[in-house]
Amino acid sequence: MIADFEARALEVVRSIPPGHVMSYGEVADEAGSPRAARAVGNLLRTTVEECPWWRVVGWDGRLRAPDTDRQAELLTSEGVAMRNGKAILRPC
């Protein structure tokens, strides 16, 4: 069951287009487990760079990755607007 959720969550993250972000909760919801935002965060902490982990942020746009400087750099390079250390959320 957990492996199924992880696979679905990673599929959702991979589907986020460059220049867009989703919250951990939105990823969990799209993966079929709306209350599993923390599980998404834990999953992305151990995911290799081929999965665009940097496109997943807190519900309020806050950068939550272990390396927020790297996350901000990657998001900015894709055209995501930032304000006060937060990604400006726009629909995906």
C-alpha atoms as a PDB file:
ATOM      1  CA  MET A   1       0.000   0.000   0.000  1.00  0.00           C
ATOM      2  CA  ILE A   2       2.739   2.472   0.934  1.00  0.00           C
ATOM      3  CA  ALA A   3       4.693   1.625  -2.205  1.00  0.00           C
ATOM      4  CA  ASP A   4       1.583   2.345  -4.282  1.00  0.00           C
ATOM      5  CA  PHE A   5       1.145   5.745  -2.656  1.00  0.00           C
ATOM      6  CA  GLU A   6       4.829   6.549  -3.138  1.00  0.00           C
ATOM      7  CA  ALA A   7       4.655   5.641  -6.815  1.00  0.00           C
ATOM      8  CA  ARG A   8       1.533   7.763  -7.311  1.00  0.00           C
ATOM      9  CA  ALA A   9       3.051  10.706  -5.406  1.00  0.00           C
ATOM     10  CA  LEU A  10       6.240  10.579  -7.466  1.00  0.00           C
ATOM     11  CA  GLU A  11       4.158  10.448 -10.639  1.00  0.00           C
ATOM     12  CA  VAL A  12       2.306  13.587  -9.532  1.00  0.00           C
ATOM     13  CA  VAL A  13       5.572  15.389  -8.749  1.00  0.00           C
ATOM     14  CA  ARG A  14       7.030  14.396 -12.114  1.00  0.00           C
ATOM     15  CA  SER A  15       3.956  15.842 -13.811  1.00  0.00           C
ATOM     16  CA  ILE A  16       4.453  19.346 -12.355  1.00  0.00           C
ATOM     17  CA  PRO A  17       5.600  21.446 -15.301  1.00  0.00           C
ATOM     18  CA  PRO A  18       8.648  23.707 -15.080  1.00  0.00           C
ATOM     19  CA  GLY A  19       7.736  27.105 -13.705  1.00  0.00           C
ATOM     20  CA  HIS A  20       4.941  25.744 -11.510  1.00  0.00           C
ATOM     21  CA  VAL A  21       4.735  24.468  -7.950  1.00  0.00           C
ATOM     22  CA  MET A  22       2.363  22.353  -5.891  1.00  0.00           C
ATOM     23  CA  SER A  23       2.049  22.063  -2.139  1.00  0.00           C
ATOM     24  CA  TYR A  24       2.796  18.825  -0.309  1.00  0.00           C
ATOM     25  CA  GLY A  25      -0.927  18.555   0.447  1.00  0.00           C
ATOM     26  CA  GLU A  26      -1.884  19.023  -3.196  1.00  0.00           C
ATOM     27  CA  VAL A  27       0.527  16.264  -4.209  1.00  0.00           C
ATOM     28  CA  ALA A  28      -0.910  13.966  -1.532  1.00  0.00           C
ATOM     29  CA  ASP A  29      -4.454  14.761  -2.641  1.00  0.00           C
ATOM     30  CA  GLU A  30      -3.660  14.119  -6.309  1.00  0.00           C
ATOM     31  CA  ALA A  31      -1.986  10.841  -5.287  1.00  0.00           C
ATOM     32  CA  GLY A  32      -5.191   9.722  -3.578  1.00  0.00           C
ATOM     33  CA  SER A  33      -4.263  10.310   0.068  1.00  0.00           C
ATOM     34  CA  PRO A  34      -5.315  13.862   0.959  1.00  0.00           C
ATOM     35  CA  ARG A  35      -4.072  13.630   4.547  1.00  0.00           C
ATOM     36  CA  ALA A  36      -0.575  12.423   3.629  1.00  0.00           C
ATOM     37  CA  ALA A  37       1.278  15.713   3.093  1.00  0.00           C
ATOM     38  CA  ARG A  38       3.991  14.735   5.587  1.00  0.00           C
ATOM     39  CA  ALA A  39       4.466  11.413   3.832  1.00  0.00           C
ATOM     40  CA  VAL A  40       5.102  13.326   0.602  1.00  0.00           C
ATOM     41  CA  GLY A  41       7.726  15.426   2.386  1.00  0.00           C
ATOM     42  CA  ASN A  42       9.425  12.351   3.788  1.00  0.00           C
ATOM     43  CA  LEU A  43       9.384  10.696   0.386  1.00  0.00           C
ATOM     44  CA  LEU A  44      10.924  13.685  -1.354  1.00  0.00           C
ATOM     45  CA  ARG A  45      13.733  13.915   1.208  1.00  0.00           C
ATOM     46  CA  THR A  46      15.037  10.583  -0.072  1.00  0.00           C
ATOM     47  CA  THR A  47      14.273  11.050  -3.762  1.00  0.00           C
ATOM     48  CA  VAL A  48      16.982  11.454  -6.344  1.00  0.00           C
ATOM     49  CA  GLU A  49      17.246  14.626  -8.384  1.00  0.00           C
ATOM     50  CA  GLU A  50      15.531  13.081 -11.455  1.00  0.00           C
ATOM     51  CA  CYS A  51      12.264  13.822  -9.686  1.00  0.00           C
ATOM     52  CA  PRO A  52      11.668  17.596  -9.559  1.00  0.00           C
ATOM     53  CA  TRP A  53      11.367  17.742  -5.741  1.00  0.00           C
ATOM     54  CA  TRP A  54      12.076  21.484  -5.817  1.00  0.00           C
ATOM     55  CA  ARG A  55       8.628  22.126  -7.348  1.00  0.00           C
ATOM     56  CA  VAL A  56       6.908  21.061  -4.111  1.00  0.00           C
ATOM     57  CA  VAL A  57       6.513  23.734  -1.431  1.00  0.00           C
ATOM     58  CA  GLY A  58       4.534  24.373   1.719  1.00  0.00           C
ATOM     59  CA  TRP A  59       0.837  25.280   1.479  1.00  0.00           C
ATOM     60  CA  ASP A  60       1.762  28.944   1.832  1.00  0.00           C
ATOM     61  CA  GLY A  61       4.581  28.890  -0.721  1.00  0.00           C
ATOM     62  CA  ARG A  62       7.336  28.481   1.857  1.00  0.00           C
ATOM     63  CA  LEU A  63      10.323  26.499   0.759  1.00  0.00           C
ATOM     64  CA  ARG A  64      10.541  23.380   2.903  1.00  0.00           C
ATOM     65  CA  ALA A  65      13.288  21.302   1.310  1.00  0.00           C
ATOM     66  CA  PRO A  66      16.364  20.525   3.401  1.00  0.00           C
ATOM     67  CA  ASP A  67      18.370  22.845   1.111  1.00  0.00           C
ATOM     68  CA  THR A  68      16.079  25.848   0.628  1.00  0.00           C
ATOM     69  CA  ASP A  69      18.814  27.857  -1.086  1.00  0.00           C
ATOM     70  CA  ARG A  70      19.137  25.180  -3.780  1.00  0.00           C
ATOM     71  CA  GLN A  71      15.348  24.934  -4.039  1.00  0.00           C
ATOM     72  CA  ALA A  72      15.034  28.700  -4.519  1.00  0.00           C
ATOM     73  CA  GLU A  73      17.782  28.646  -7.144  1.00  0.00           C
ATOM     74  CA  LEU A  74      16.090  25.869  -9.121  1.00  0.00           C
ATOM     75  CA  LEU A  75      12.643  27.464  -8.908  1.00  0.00           C
ATOM     76  CA  THR A  76      13.964  30.864  -9.943  1.00  0.00           C
ATOM     77  CA  SER A  77      15.793  29.306 -12.900  1.00  0.00           C
ATOM     78  CA  GLU A  78      12.440  27.900 -14.057  1.00  0.00           C
ATOM     79  CA  GLY A  79      10.739  31.269 -13.784  1.00  0.00           C
ATOM     80  CA  VAL A  80       8.886  30.819 -10.497  1.00  0.00           C
ATOM     81  CA  ALA A  81       8.415  34.206  -8.876  1.00  0.00           C
ATOM     82  CA  MET A  82       9.639  34.489  -5.292  1.00  0.00           C
ATOM     83  CA  ARG A  83       8.705  36.996  -2.615  1.00  0.00           C
ATOM     84  CA  ASN A  84      10.095  37.072   0.921  1.00  0.00           C
ATOM     85  CA  GLY A  85      11.504  33.561   0.587  1.00  0.00           C
ATOM     86  CA  LYS A  86       8.225  32.097  -0.667  1.00  0.00           C
ATOM     87  CA  ALA A  87       7.224  30.846  -4.076  1.00  0.00           C
ATOM     88  CA  ILE A  88       4.329  32.731  -5.590  1.00  0.00           C
ATOM     89  CA  LEU A  89       1.722  30.038  -6.076  1.00  0.00           C
ATOM     90  CA  ARG A  90      -0.099  29.785  -9.349  1.00  0.00           C
ATOM     91  CA  PRO A  91      -2.358  27.013 -10.564  1.00  0.00           C
ATOM     92  CA  CYS A  92      -0.694  24.072 -12.216  1.00  0.00           C
END
